[in-house]
Amino acid sequence: MVKIVTDSVSDVPAALAQELDITVLPILIRFGEEVYRDGIDLSPDEFYQKLVSRKDFPHTAVPSPGEVAQAYEDLAEENDQILSIHLSSKYSAFCEAALAARNLVRKKCKIEVVDSLSATAG
C-alpha cells in the first residue's frame, strides 16, 4: 500500500486529509520563545490573531530529520511505499529534512520525496 505524506504548508484541509488518509507533518512556527506545531498547537485563526496582536514577527522551522524519520517509521509498519510531497525547496528546508529522514528509516519501505515546486496546495 502507498501512503501519502505532506507538510502543513500544503494547506490540505483536515477533512480532506482524513478522507484521503494523507499524513500531514507540521511545520514549526515560532513567536518569540513560543514554538507551535502548525495545525496542531496553532490553528490558522490563532496564527492570524497572533500575527496582528504581537510585535514579534513569526519565524518558521522544519521538523528535524529524526522527527520526520519517526513518522516514516510509523507509516512503514503498515505500508510498502511512502510518497512524501513537500513545500518547494526554494522556500523551505522541508524537502532536505525529508531526504535526510529517508536515509534514517530502518524498516523496509520505499520512500519517494518530491519537491512540489509550490508554496501551497496546487
Protein backbone atom coordinates (compact mmCIF):
# COMPACT_ATOMS: atom_id res chain seq x y z
CA MET A 1 0.00 0.00 0.00
CA VAL A 2 1.18 3.58 -0.72
CA LYS A 3 0.92 6.26 1.95
CA ILE A 4 0.96 9.98 1.05
CA VAL A 5 2.74 12.43 3.34
CA THR A 6 2.89 16.20 3.05
CA ASP A 7 3.65 19.20 5.24
CA SER A 8 1.19 21.61 6.78
CA VAL A 9 2.16 24.38 4.36
CA SER A 10 0.32 22.40 1.67
CA ASP A 11 -2.89 23.67 3.30
CA VAL A 12 -4.71 20.39 2.65
CA PRO A 13 -7.94 20.79 4.63
CA ALA A 14 -8.07 18.49 7.65
CA ALA A 15 -11.28 16.82 6.46
CA LEU A 16 -9.75 16.05 3.07
CA ALA A 17 -6.53 14.77 4.63
CA GLN A 18 -8.60 12.46 6.83
CA GLU A 19 -10.81 11.32 3.94
CA LEU A 20 -7.81 10.54 1.71
CA ASP A 21 -5.68 9.22 4.60
CA ILE A 22 -2.91 11.79 3.99
CA THR A 23 -0.40 12.28 6.79
CA VAL A 24 0.31 15.98 7.33
CA LEU A 25 3.58 16.80 9.11
CA PRO A 26 3.50 20.19 10.85
CA ILE A 27 5.94 22.97 10.14
CA LEU A 28 7.08 24.76 13.30
CA ILE A 29 6.08 28.38 13.92
CA ARG A 30 7.92 30.46 16.49
CA PHE A 31 6.64 33.67 18.04
CA GLY A 32 9.44 34.87 20.30
CA GLU A 33 10.25 31.96 22.61
CA GLU A 34 6.95 30.16 21.95
CA VAL A 35 7.07 27.32 19.40
CA TYR A 36 3.93 25.84 17.88
CA ARG A 37 3.27 22.94 15.53
CA ASP A 38 1.23 24.30 12.65
CA GLY A 39 -2.29 22.90 12.69
CA ILE A 40 -1.74 21.04 15.95
CA ASP A 41 -0.82 23.60 18.63
CA LEU A 42 -1.78 26.60 16.50
CA SER A 43 -4.82 26.91 14.22
CA PRO A 44 -4.84 29.29 11.24
CA ASP A 45 -7.19 31.62 13.14
CA GLU A 46 -4.86 31.65 16.15
CA PHE A 47 -1.88 32.29 13.88
CA TYR A 48 -3.50 35.35 12.30
CA GLN A 49 -4.66 36.61 15.68
CA LYS A 50 -1.08 36.44 16.96
CA LEU A 51 0.21 38.00 13.77
CA VAL A 52 -1.84 41.15 14.27
CA SER A 53 -1.65 41.33 18.07
CA ARG A 54 2.07 40.73 18.64
CA LYS A 55 5.06 42.88 17.88
CA ASP A 56 7.43 40.00 17.20
CA PHE A 57 7.29 38.58 13.69
CA PRO A 58 6.91 34.80 13.41
CA HIS A 59 9.67 32.54 12.14
CA THR A 60 9.24 29.05 10.77
CA ALA A 61 11.34 25.94 11.00
CA VAL A 62 11.04 22.39 9.78
CA PRO A 63 10.97 19.33 11.99
CA SER A 64 14.31 17.58 12.42
CA PRO A 65 15.16 14.68 10.08
CA GLY A 66 14.79 12.44 13.14
CA GLU A 67 11.20 13.57 13.71
CA VAL A 68 10.34 13.05 10.03
CA ALA A 69 12.08 9.66 10.09
CA GLN A 70 9.96 8.63 13.09
CA ALA A 71 6.81 9.47 11.12
CA TYR A 72 8.13 7.40 8.20
CA GLU A 73 8.99 4.52 10.53
CA ASP A 74 5.47 4.53 11.96
CA LEU A 75 3.92 4.58 8.48
CA ALA A 76 6.27 1.85 7.24
CA GLU A 77 4.68 -0.53 9.75
CA GLU A 78 1.61 -0.87 7.53
CA ASN A 79 2.72 0.45 4.13
CA ASP A 80 5.10 -0.69 1.40
CA GLN A 81 5.70 2.75 -0.08
CA ILE A 82 5.57 6.38 1.01
CA LEU A 83 5.15 9.32 -1.35
CA SER A 84 6.28 12.41 0.55
CA ILE A 85 5.37 15.71 -1.20
CA HIS A 86 6.65 18.95 0.30
CA LEU A 87 6.90 22.71 0.08
CA SER A 88 9.29 23.95 -2.60
CA SER A 89 12.95 23.68 -1.66
CA LYS A 90 13.23 27.31 -2.82
CA TYR A 91 11.21 28.36 0.25
CA SER A 92 11.97 25.77 2.90
CA ALA A 93 14.32 23.02 4.02
CA PHE A 94 11.46 20.53 4.44
CA CYS A 95 12.49 18.51 1.36
CA GLU A 96 16.04 18.41 2.65
CA ALA A 97 14.85 17.13 6.05
CA ALA A 98 12.64 14.55 4.32
CA LEU A 99 15.54 13.31 2.18
CA ALA A 100 17.76 13.02 5.24
CA ALA A 101 14.94 11.26 7.11
CA ARG A 102 14.55 8.73 4.31
CA ASN A 103 18.15 7.63 4.93
CA LEU A 104 17.41 7.10 8.63
CA VAL A 105 14.46 4.74 8.16
CA ARG A 106 15.37 1.19 9.05
CA LYS A 107 12.18 -0.58 8.05
CA LYS A 108 11.78 -1.91 4.53
CA CYS A 109 9.72 0.70 2.76
CA LYS A 110 10.31 2.59 -0.47
CA ILE A 111 10.17 6.34 0.20
CA GLU A 112 9.98 8.86 -2.62
CA VAL A 113 10.45 12.52 -1.68
CA VAL A 114 9.02 15.05 -4.13
CA ASP A 115 9.77 18.77 -4.22
CA SER A 116 6.37 20.24 -5.14
CA LEU A 117 7.98 23.43 -6.51
CA SER A 118 4.91 25.08 -4.98
CA ALA A 119 4.17 27.15 -1.88
CA THR A 120 0.77 25.61 -1.08
CA ALA A 121 -1.69 23.03 -2.42
CA GLY A 122 -1.51 23.32 -6.20
